[in-house]
Amino acid sequence: MPPKRNRRPTAKKANADARGSMVQCGGCDSWVYSSDMSSPTLEEADRAGFKCKICTTLHTIQANITLHEKKLRGDLQLEIGSLKSQLREMEAHNKEEVEKLTQGLRTESDRCKVLESEVKALRNQVQLTGKSPNNVPETSVRPRNTQTPTPTSYCLDSAPESPKTPERNNQTPVPGKPPGPLKTKTLWSNVAGTKQHKTTAKDPAEGCPPPEGAHGTTYSRPISGGGPQPQQQHQGPTRRFCVILGDSNAHRLKRTTYQTVKDRRVRITTRSGAKVEETLVWAEEEIARANSTSTTLQLVLHVGTTDILQKEDTAKLAELLRQKLASWSQNAPQHSYCVCAVPEINTRGAEIERECCEWNANVASMCNTLGRAVEFLRLAESSTQGNMEDIHYDRRLADDIGHQLAQKVAFFGTNIRPEKNKGHQKKTPLPHPKAMQQFIHVMTTAFGQLTKKSQWR
């Protein structure tokens, strides 16, 4: 027999021999080669309970997850404990507040009961007082259709009742002579938008002072037993005064203003270098003084040049001026407020001149938006250029501006005068146009006849 050949090992067997023997994993029951084991030797793997690399990694991940879960549970328990403690504190605080509120309600209810008992006692006392014969209740009203009128003041209650036949001018009637006209008192009252003319007999207690609480109102006898008709009395004349506040340019207007307004209705208060803020403080003092003395004030401000020359924030100053004027016109609308334009100075450079023009434009628009109580006075137009002594008005321009300002002051003092009582004035009716034409025709004819007679002579 031929000798056997030594076969060469296959590639698969060679690889298996190189990787070693196979071992079964205790976790997943899978067979792996010894080279894939986490333990270096088979003996150590048998002692430690062999596990593959996948099972070892999963075990490590599960251990980490368990530790993290325990940590989160501990943190959550701590937070829950702190929240529970806060809740207990809030419940205790709310319980105290509820107890306080309950106690306050009980106290208020007890006080209300005491007040109700006092009110009931007072009502009983009033009823007992009203039933006594010596005390007549004030709410008693006489019948409407009686001839005796209802008393309208305390003076009429105390006066004796007038006879049924009214007196005729307090004169004794003479036989054969017609009686004089009945003295009457004419009153006008506006009821529901229509005027009603009432003629009543002469009041026997005329001239008595009004009752307490009736200041500024007069009462007349009612028609057919009605209530008293109030009439507003004519208020006395109010004092009107003008105050001019400003800088050194305003000081140069004094002479002409005082010469034009000669009845001491104007006062000019100036200071060289006066600024806007301090002038507004003076103005508030003047308004307070006028309000305390019931004076209608015309306040004229001539200020702003110093602030422009010192390069102050003109926008901020204009806003401050606007706020003050708006507050004054709202809180004291009976006064009049005027702001004069500053001179457009061209001797200190183009920038100062531009600032003056912008200031005048801003103040003019501001005064137009504030209403009729605030007025902007541009007494010196652009013609001021060439009529200035550095930053001041010259003599001619100061006289011109002072005269215009004085006319403004005089118009304020004479424009609104206290109205007279028009009810006692006798108005002469105007003649009819046709009657005037007839009168002119008659006079012309008579004049023509006289002219003809004189010519014949």
Protein backbone atom coordinates (compact mmCIF):
# COMPACT_ATOMS: atom_id res chain seq x y z
CA MET A 1 0.00 0.00 0.00
CA PRO A 2 1.24 3.35 -0.76
CA PRO A 3 2.11 5.43 2.23
CA LYS A 4 -0.41 8.07 3.49
CA ARG A 5 0.20 11.65 2.68
CA ASN A 6 0.46 14.19 5.38
CA ARG A 7 -2.46 16.53 4.64
CA ARG A 8 -1.99 20.17 5.16
CA PRO A 9 -4.48 21.81 7.61
CA THR A 10 -7.27 23.82 6.06
CA ALA A 11 -7.60 27.58 6.53
CA LYS A 12 -10.67 27.26 8.76
CA LYS A 13 -8.96 24.89 11.11
CA ALA A 14 -5.90 27.04 11.16
CA ASN A 15 -7.93 30.05 12.17
CA ALA A 16 -9.72 28.08 14.89
CA ASP A 17 -6.42 26.91 16.30
CA ALA A 18 -5.10 30.45 16.26
CA ARG A 19 -8.14 31.86 18.13
CA GLY A 20 -8.04 29.11 20.73
CA SER A 21 -10.84 27.02 22.19
CA MET A 22 -14.51 28.10 22.53
CA VAL A 23 -16.20 28.87 25.86
CA GLN A 24 -19.95 29.29 26.65
CA CYS A 25 -21.07 32.67 28.16
CA GLY A 26 -23.00 32.40 31.43
CA GLY A 27 -25.16 35.44 30.67
CA CYS A 28 -26.40 34.96 27.13
CA ASP A 29 -25.47 31.19 26.71
CA SER A 30 -23.54 31.92 23.56
CA TRP A 31 -20.24 30.29 22.56
CA VAL A 32 -17.26 32.52 22.07
CA TYR A 33 -13.58 31.96 21.48
CA SER A 34 -11.17 32.29 24.31
CA SER A 35 -9.57 35.25 22.56
CA ASP A 36 -12.88 37.19 22.89
CA MET A 37 -13.10 36.61 26.66
CA SER A 38 -12.63 39.44 29.08
CA SER A 39 -10.54 37.14 31.32
CA PRO A 40 -7.10 36.27 30.04
CA THR A 41 -7.23 32.53 30.96
CA LEU A 42 -9.89 29.82 31.07
CA GLU A 43 -9.29 29.13 34.76
CA GLU A 44 -10.00 32.75 35.72
CA ALA A 45 -13.08 32.74 33.51
CA ASP A 46 -14.41 29.60 35.20
CA ARG A 47 -13.79 31.03 38.66
CA ALA A 48 -15.45 34.43 37.91
CA GLY A 49 -18.34 33.03 35.91
CA PHE A 50 -17.48 33.63 32.30
CA LYS A 51 -19.30 36.47 30.53
CA CYS A 52 -18.80 37.85 27.11
CA LYS A 53 -17.87 41.44 26.41
CA ILE A 54 -21.45 42.38 25.44
CA CYS A 55 -22.88 41.06 28.69
CA THR A 56 -20.15 42.80 30.67
CA THR A 57 -20.96 46.15 28.99
CA LEU A 58 -24.70 45.73 29.58
CA HIS A 59 -24.06 44.94 33.24
CA THR A 60 -21.98 48.10 33.63
CA ILE A 61 -24.68 50.25 31.97
CA GLN A 62 -27.41 48.78 34.21
CA ALA A 63 -25.31 49.49 37.30
CA ASN A 64 -24.83 53.11 36.24
CA ILE A 65 -28.57 53.53 35.56
CA THR A 66 -29.41 52.11 38.99
CA LEU A 67 -27.03 54.52 40.72
CA HIS A 68 -28.43 57.51 38.79
CA GLU A 69 -32.00 56.50 39.63
CA LYS A 70 -31.17 56.25 43.32
CA LYS A 71 -29.61 59.71 43.22
CA LEU A 72 -32.66 61.24 41.48
CA ARG A 73 -35.01 59.64 43.99
CA GLY A 74 -33.01 61.12 46.86
CA ASP A 75 -33.10 64.61 45.31
CA LEU A 76 -36.83 64.35 44.65
CA GLN A 77 -37.51 63.30 48.20
CA LEU A 78 -35.56 66.31 49.49
CA GLU A 79 -37.53 68.70 47.25
CA ILE A 80 -40.83 67.14 48.25
CA GLY A 81 -39.90 67.52 51.91
CA SER A 82 -39.04 71.23 51.47
CA LEU A 83 -42.32 71.85 49.58
CA LYS A 84 -44.30 70.12 52.31
CA SER A 85 -42.65 72.30 54.96
CA GLN A 86 -43.43 75.46 52.96
CA LEU A 87 -47.04 74.33 52.54
CA ARG A 88 -47.38 73.81 56.29
CA GLU A 89 -46.01 77.32 56.94
CA MET A 90 -48.43 78.87 54.42
CA GLU A 91 -51.36 77.00 55.92
CA ALA A 92 -50.44 78.25 59.38
CA HIS A 93 -50.09 81.85 58.11
CA ASN A 94 -53.41 81.67 56.25
CA LYS A 95 -55.06 80.30 59.35
CA GLU A 96 -53.85 83.30 61.34
CA GLU A 97 -55.10 85.70 58.64
CA VAL A 98 -58.49 83.99 58.55
CA GLU A 99 -58.75 84.28 62.31
CA LYS A 100 -57.89 88.00 62.17
CA LEU A 101 -60.46 88.65 59.44
CA THR A 102 -63.10 86.70 61.31
CA GLN A 103 -62.41 88.69 64.45
CA GLY A 104 -62.61 91.97 62.49
CA LEU A 105 -65.95 90.95 60.97
CA ARG A 106 -67.31 90.13 64.38
CA THR A 107 -66.20 93.52 65.71
CA GLU A 108 -67.79 95.35 62.77
CA SER A 109 -71.04 93.43 63.12
CA ASP A 110 -71.19 94.31 66.83
CA ARG A 111 -70.54 97.97 65.97
CA CYS A 112 -73.30 97.92 63.33
CA LYS A 113 -75.73 96.52 65.87
CA VAL A 114 -74.85 99.32 68.31
CA LEU A 115 -75.32 101.96 65.58
CA GLU A 116 -78.66 100.47 64.56
CA SER A 117 -79.87 100.65 68.13
CA GLU A 118 -78.73 104.30 68.38
CA VAL A 119 -80.47 105.19 65.10
CA LYS A 120 -83.66 103.52 66.27
CA ALA A 121 -83.54 105.47 69.54
CA LEU A 122 -82.99 108.74 67.65
CA ARG A 123 -85.93 108.01 65.34
CA ASN A 124 -88.17 107.38 68.30
CA GLN A 125 -87.01 110.63 69.89
CA VAL A 126 -87.68 112.55 66.66
CA GLN A 127 -91.15 111.08 66.38
CA LEU A 128 -91.93 112.00 69.98
CA THR A 129 -90.62 115.54 69.42
CA GLY A 130 -92.66 115.98 66.22
CA LYS A 131 -95.91 114.97 67.94
CA SER A 132 -95.62 117.68 70.61
CA PRO A 133 -97.92 120.74 70.01
CA ASN A 134 -95.14 123.29 70.59
CA ASN A 135 -92.92 121.98 67.78
CA VAL A 136 -94.23 122.24 64.25
CA PRO A 137 -92.28 120.13 61.76
CA GLU A 138 -90.42 122.07 59.08
CA THR A 139 -91.74 119.87 56.28
CA SER A 140 -95.36 121.02 56.74
CA VAL A 141 -96.70 122.67 53.55
CA ARG A 142 -99.82 124.78 53.24
CA PRO A 143 -102.48 123.88 50.67
CA ARG A 144 -101.66 124.91 47.07
CA ASN A 145 -104.79 126.89 46.27
CA THR A 146 -104.83 129.09 49.39
CA GLN A 147 -104.48 132.85 49.04
CA THR A 148 -101.75 133.10 51.69
CA PRO A 149 -98.39 132.44 50.01
CA THR A 150 -95.93 129.90 51.36
CA PRO A 151 -93.13 131.51 53.43
CA THR A 152 -89.88 131.69 51.47
CA SER A 153 -87.45 132.91 54.15
CA TYR A 154 -87.16 133.29 57.88
CA CYS A 155 -88.04 137.00 57.56
CA LEU A 156 -91.40 136.20 55.98
CA ASP A 157 -92.23 133.66 58.70
CA SER A 158 -91.84 136.28 61.41
CA ALA A 159 -93.61 139.10 59.51
CA PRO A 160 -97.36 139.66 59.93
CA GLU A 161 -99.61 138.33 57.23
CA SER A 162 -100.58 140.87 54.59
CA PRO A 163 -104.28 141.65 54.06
CA LYS A 164 -106.18 140.08 51.22
CA THR A 165 -106.52 143.45 49.43
CA PRO A 166 -103.01 144.62 48.41
CA GLU A 167 -101.92 148.16 49.22
CA ARG A 168 -101.59 150.60 46.35
CA ASN A 169 -98.34 152.47 46.91
CA ASN A 170 -99.15 152.68 50.66
CA GLN A 171 -101.58 155.55 49.96
CA THR A 172 -105.09 156.06 51.25
CA PRO A 173 -107.60 156.01 48.37
CA VAL A 174 -109.09 159.43 47.70
CA PRO A 175 -112.76 159.63 46.62
CA GLY A 176 -113.14 160.50 42.95
CA LYS A 177 -109.50 159.75 42.20
CA PRO A 178 -108.49 156.51 40.55
CA PRO A 179 -106.16 154.38 42.62
CA GLY A 180 -102.49 154.31 41.71
CA PRO A 181 -100.76 151.36 40.12
CA LEU A 182 -100.06 148.32 42.23
CA LYS A 183 -96.45 148.02 43.30
CA THR A 184 -95.13 144.78 41.88
CA LYS A 185 -91.83 142.99 41.70
CA THR A 186 -90.90 141.55 38.32
CA LEU A 187 -88.75 138.44 38.26
CA TRP A 188 -87.50 136.34 35.37
CA SER A 189 -86.73 132.66 35.69
CA ASN A 190 -85.57 130.26 33.05
CA VAL A 191 -87.60 127.07 33.40
CA ALA A 192 -87.13 124.23 30.89
CA GLY A 193 -85.46 126.57 28.39
CA THR A 194 -88.36 129.15 28.35
CA LYS A 195 -88.72 132.51 30.15
CA GLN A 196 -91.69 132.93 32.46
CA HIS A 197 -92.79 136.39 33.60
CA LYS A 198 -93.99 136.44 37.20
CA THR A 199 -95.70 139.42 38.85
CA THR A 200 -96.24 139.18 42.60
CA ALA A 201 -97.39 141.51 45.34
CA LYS A 202 -94.88 143.56 47.21
CA ASP A 203 -92.99 141.54 49.79
CA PRO A 204 -93.68 142.94 53.29
CA ALA A 205 -90.33 141.70 54.56
CA GLU A 206 -88.27 142.99 51.67
CA GLY A 207 -84.74 143.84 52.75
CA CYS A 208 -84.44 141.14 55.43
CA PRO A 209 -81.22 139.10 55.38
CA PRO A 210 -81.43 135.67 53.71
CA PRO A 211 -81.41 132.50 55.82
CA GLU A 212 -78.25 130.64 56.60
CA GLY A 213 -76.86 128.62 53.72
CA ALA A 214 -78.51 130.86 51.09
CA HIS A 215 -75.53 133.07 50.18
CA GLY A 216 -75.52 134.17 46.55
CA THR A 217 -79.20 133.23 45.99
CA THR A 218 -82.40 135.24 46.39
CA TYR A 219 -85.89 133.81 46.77
CA SER A 220 -89.17 135.22 45.52
CA ARG A 221 -92.76 134.41 46.23
CA PRO A 222 -93.85 131.26 44.39
CA ILE A 223 -96.61 131.01 41.78
CA SER A 224 -99.70 129.09 42.99
CA GLY A 225 -98.05 127.82 46.15
CA GLY A 226 -94.98 126.31 44.47
CA GLY A 227 -91.50 126.18 45.97
CA PRO A 228 -89.10 129.17 45.99
CA GLN A 229 -87.45 130.03 42.68
CA PRO A 230 -83.70 130.71 43.14
CA GLN A 231 -82.12 133.61 41.30
CA GLN A 232 -78.41 134.25 41.11
CA GLN A 233 -77.43 137.64 42.47
CA HIS A 234 -75.16 139.86 40.45
CA GLN A 235 -71.61 139.42 41.66
CA GLY A 236 -69.55 142.50 42.41
CA PRO A 237 -66.84 143.76 40.03
CA THR A 238 -63.59 141.82 40.10
CA ARG A 239 -60.21 143.53 40.18
CA ARG A 240 -58.13 143.18 37.03
CA PHE A 241 -54.36 143.57 37.17
CA CYS A 242 -51.39 142.97 34.87
CA VAL A 243 -47.94 141.76 35.92
CA ILE A 244 -44.97 141.78 33.52
CA LEU A 245 -41.97 139.63 34.47
CA GLY A 246 -38.73 139.50 32.55
CA ASP A 247 -35.10 140.41 31.98
CA SER A 248 -33.26 143.66 31.22
CA ASN A 249 -35.06 144.09 27.88
CA ALA A 250 -38.38 144.08 29.75
CA HIS A 251 -36.89 146.74 32.05
CA ARG A 252 -36.48 149.07 29.05
CA LEU A 253 -40.25 148.88 28.42
CA LYS A 254 -41.17 150.33 31.83
CA ARG A 255 -41.16 154.03 30.98
CA THR A 256 -43.48 153.88 27.96
CA THR A 257 -45.77 151.30 29.54
CA TYR A 258 -46.26 153.31 32.72
CA GLN A 259 -46.82 156.51 30.73
CA THR A 260 -49.51 154.87 28.59
CA VAL A 261 -51.29 152.98 31.40
CA LYS A 262 -51.80 155.65 34.04
CA ASP A 263 -54.24 154.00 36.46
CA ARG A 264 -51.77 151.70 38.23
CA ARG A 265 -53.19 148.50 36.75
CA VAL A 266 -49.78 147.18 35.74
CA ARG A 267 -46.57 146.24 37.57
CA ILE A 268 -43.28 145.36 35.87
CA THR A 269 -40.80 143.22 37.81
CA THR A 270 -37.45 142.63 36.10
CA ARG A 271 -33.93 141.49 36.86
CA SER A 272 -30.87 141.77 34.66
CA GLY A 273 -29.91 138.29 33.43
CA ALA A 274 -33.14 136.64 34.57
CA LYS A 275 -33.58 133.06 33.33
CA VAL A 276 -36.67 131.06 32.45
CA GLU A 277 -36.76 128.87 35.56
CA GLU A 278 -36.57 131.67 38.13
CA THR A 279 -39.11 133.73 36.16
CA LEU A 280 -41.54 130.80 36.32
CA VAL A 281 -41.08 130.72 40.11
CA TRP A 282 -41.99 134.45 40.28
CA ALA A 283 -45.01 133.75 38.09
CA GLU A 284 -46.31 131.02 40.42
CA GLU A 285 -46.06 133.44 43.35
CA GLU A 286 -48.01 136.09 41.43
CA ILE A 287 -50.74 133.59 40.50
CA ALA A 288 -51.08 132.45 44.11
CA ARG A 289 -51.33 136.08 45.27
CA ALA A 290 -53.99 136.84 42.66
CA ASN A 291 -56.03 133.78 43.64
CA SER A 292 -55.93 134.75 47.30
CA THR A 293 -57.16 138.30 46.56
CA SER A 294 -59.82 137.37 43.94
CA THR A 295 -57.94 139.25 41.23
CA THR A 296 -58.12 138.46 37.52
CA LEU A 297 -54.49 138.48 36.43
CA GLN A 298 -52.80 139.06 33.11
CA LEU A 299 -49.34 137.52 33.32
CA VAL A 300 -46.80 138.60 30.68
CA LEU A 301 -43.42 136.82 30.44
CA HIS A 302 -40.52 138.44 28.56
CA VAL A 303 -37.67 135.99 29.12
CA GLY A 304 -35.36 133.58 27.29
CA THR A 305 -32.54 135.75 25.96
CA THR A 306 -30.15 134.96 28.83
CA ASP A 307 -30.65 131.20 28.47
CA ILE A 308 -29.97 131.38 24.72
CA LEU A 309 -26.81 133.45 25.22
CA GLN A 310 -25.53 131.02 27.86
CA LYS A 311 -26.27 128.11 25.46
CA GLU A 312 -28.72 126.34 27.73
CA ASP A 313 -30.88 123.43 26.53
CA THR A 314 -33.66 125.44 24.89
CA ALA A 315 -35.75 122.35 24.08
CA LYS A 316 -35.82 121.39 27.75
CA LEU A 317 -36.69 124.95 28.79
CA ALA A 318 -39.48 125.15 26.19
CA GLU A 319 -40.97 121.89 27.51
CA LEU A 320 -40.80 123.23 31.09
CA LEU A 321 -42.54 126.44 29.97
CA ARG A 322 -45.22 124.40 28.17
CA GLN A 323 -45.90 122.28 31.26
CA LYS A 324 -46.22 125.34 33.50
CA LEU A 325 -48.54 127.18 31.11
CA ALA A 326 -50.72 124.09 30.65
CA SER A 327 -50.97 123.64 34.42
CA TRP A 328 -51.83 127.32 35.01
CA SER A 329 -54.43 127.48 32.24
CA GLN A 330 -56.09 124.35 33.62
CA ASN A 331 -55.98 125.17 37.34
CA ALA A 332 -56.58 128.95 37.03
CA PRO A 333 -58.46 129.51 33.75
CA GLN A 334 -59.76 132.92 34.87
CA HIS A 335 -56.30 134.45 34.29
CA SER A 336 -54.65 135.36 30.99
CA TYR A 337 -51.10 134.29 30.11
CA CYS A 338 -48.87 135.93 27.49
CA VAL A 339 -45.34 135.06 26.35
CA CYS A 340 -43.34 137.70 24.47
CA ALA A 341 -40.96 136.85 21.65
CA VAL A 342 -37.27 137.33 22.34
CA PRO A 343 -35.32 139.74 20.10
CA GLU A 344 -33.53 138.05 17.20
CA ILE A 345 -29.98 139.12 18.10
CA ASN A 346 -27.57 139.29 15.15
CA THR A 347 -24.60 140.82 16.95
CA ARG A 348 -23.42 137.58 18.58
CA GLY A 349 -23.12 135.38 15.49
CA ALA A 350 -25.37 133.39 13.21
CA GLU A 351 -25.80 130.55 15.72
CA ILE A 352 -27.32 132.82 18.40
CA GLU A 353 -29.63 134.40 15.83
CA ARG A 354 -30.78 130.96 14.67
CA GLU A 355 -31.39 129.87 18.28
CA CYS A 356 -33.53 132.98 18.88
CA CYS A 357 -35.60 132.29 15.75
CA GLU A 358 -36.11 128.63 16.73
CA TRP A 359 -37.12 129.64 20.27
CA ASN A 360 -39.75 132.08 18.97
CA ALA A 361 -41.12 129.49 16.52
CA ASN A 362 -41.34 126.75 19.18
CA VAL A 363 -42.99 129.02 21.75
CA ALA A 364 -45.48 130.34 19.17
CA SER A 365 -46.60 126.83 18.14
CA MET A 366 -46.77 125.78 21.79
CA CYS A 367 -49.02 128.73 22.70
CA ASN A 368 -51.32 127.96 19.77
CA THR A 369 -51.84 124.40 21.06
CA LEU A 370 -52.61 125.46 24.65
CA GLY A 371 -55.86 127.28 23.89
CA ARG A 372 -57.22 130.81 24.17
CA ALA A 373 -55.90 131.43 27.70
CA VAL A 374 -52.28 131.45 26.44
CA GLU A 375 -51.13 134.00 23.85
CA PHE A 376 -47.84 134.57 22.07
CA LEU A 377 -46.92 138.26 21.61
CA ARG A 378 -44.58 139.05 18.74
CA LEU A 379 -44.33 142.76 19.46
CA ALA A 380 -40.98 143.20 17.73
CA GLU A 381 -40.93 141.68 14.22
CA SER A 382 -37.82 140.95 12.19
CA SER A 383 -37.33 144.73 11.95
CA THR A 384 -35.46 144.51 15.26
CA GLN A 385 -32.29 143.97 13.26
CA GLY A 386 -30.51 147.28 13.18
CA ASN A 387 -32.54 148.62 16.15
CA MET A 388 -30.53 146.86 18.85
CA GLU A 389 -27.80 148.03 21.17
CA ASP A 390 -25.83 144.77 21.36
CA ILE A 391 -28.45 142.49 23.00
CA HIS A 392 -30.86 145.22 24.18
CA TYR A 393 -33.60 147.30 22.54
CA ASP A 394 -32.60 150.80 21.62
CA ARG A 395 -34.65 153.79 22.81
CA ARG A 396 -36.89 153.98 19.74
CA LEU A 397 -37.64 150.27 19.58
CA ALA A 398 -38.25 150.10 23.35
CA ASP A 399 -40.79 152.94 23.07
CA ASP A 400 -42.55 151.18 20.19
CA ILE A 401 -42.74 147.81 21.96
CA GLY A 402 -43.70 149.42 25.28
CA HIS A 403 -46.56 151.29 23.58
CA GLN A 404 -47.86 148.05 22.00
CA LEU A 405 -47.60 146.24 25.31
CA ALA A 406 -49.41 149.06 27.11
CA GLN A 407 -52.25 148.89 24.58
CA LYS A 408 -52.51 145.16 25.28
CA VAL A 409 -52.67 145.81 29.02
CA ALA A 410 -55.25 148.58 28.64
CA PHE A 411 -57.42 146.36 26.43
CA PHE A 412 -57.29 143.62 29.07
CA GLY A 413 -58.35 146.08 31.77
CA THR A 414 -61.31 147.46 29.81
CA ASN A 415 -62.37 144.59 27.54
CA ILE A 416 -64.53 142.68 30.03
CA ARG A 417 -66.42 144.81 32.50
CA PRO A 418 -68.92 143.53 35.10
CA GLU A 419 -72.37 143.47 33.57
CA LYS A 420 -75.06 145.67 35.08
CA ASN A 421 -78.41 144.37 36.17
CA LYS A 422 -80.26 144.49 32.86
CA GLY A 423 -83.59 143.70 34.49
CA HIS A 424 -83.95 147.27 35.86
CA GLN A 425 -82.82 149.09 32.70
CA LYS A 426 -85.36 150.81 30.46
CA LYS A 427 -84.55 149.99 26.87
CA THR A 428 -85.72 152.47 24.24
CA PRO A 429 -87.05 150.56 21.21
CA LEU A 430 -85.51 151.40 17.85
CA PRO A 431 -87.84 153.14 15.33
CA HIS A 432 -89.23 151.15 12.44
CA PRO A 433 -87.48 151.71 9.07
CA LYS A 434 -90.75 152.82 7.39
CA ALA A 435 -91.38 155.33 10.16
CA MET A 436 -87.88 156.71 9.65
CA GLN A 437 -88.51 157.05 5.89
CA GLN A 438 -91.79 158.90 6.50
CA PHE A 439 -90.09 161.20 8.99
CA ILE A 440 -87.32 162.02 6.51
CA HIS A 441 -89.88 162.65 3.76
CA VAL A 442 -91.89 165.03 5.97
CA MET A 443 -88.78 166.91 7.06
CA THR A 444 -87.54 167.21 3.47
CA THR A 445 -90.91 168.52 2.27
CA ALA A 446 -91.09 171.07 5.08
CA PHE A 447 -87.56 172.23 4.37
CA GLY A 448 -88.40 172.63 0.67
CA GLN A 449 -91.46 174.74 1.47
CA LEU A 450 -89.43 176.95 3.79
CA THR A 451 -86.82 177.40 1.06
CA LYS A 452 -89.49 178.45 -1.49
CA LYS A 453 -90.97 181.02 0.92
CA SER A 454 -87.56 182.52 1.56
CA GLN A 455 -86.94 182.77 -2.20
CA TRP A 456 -90.29 184.60 -2.81
CA ARG A 457 -89.43 187.09 -0.14
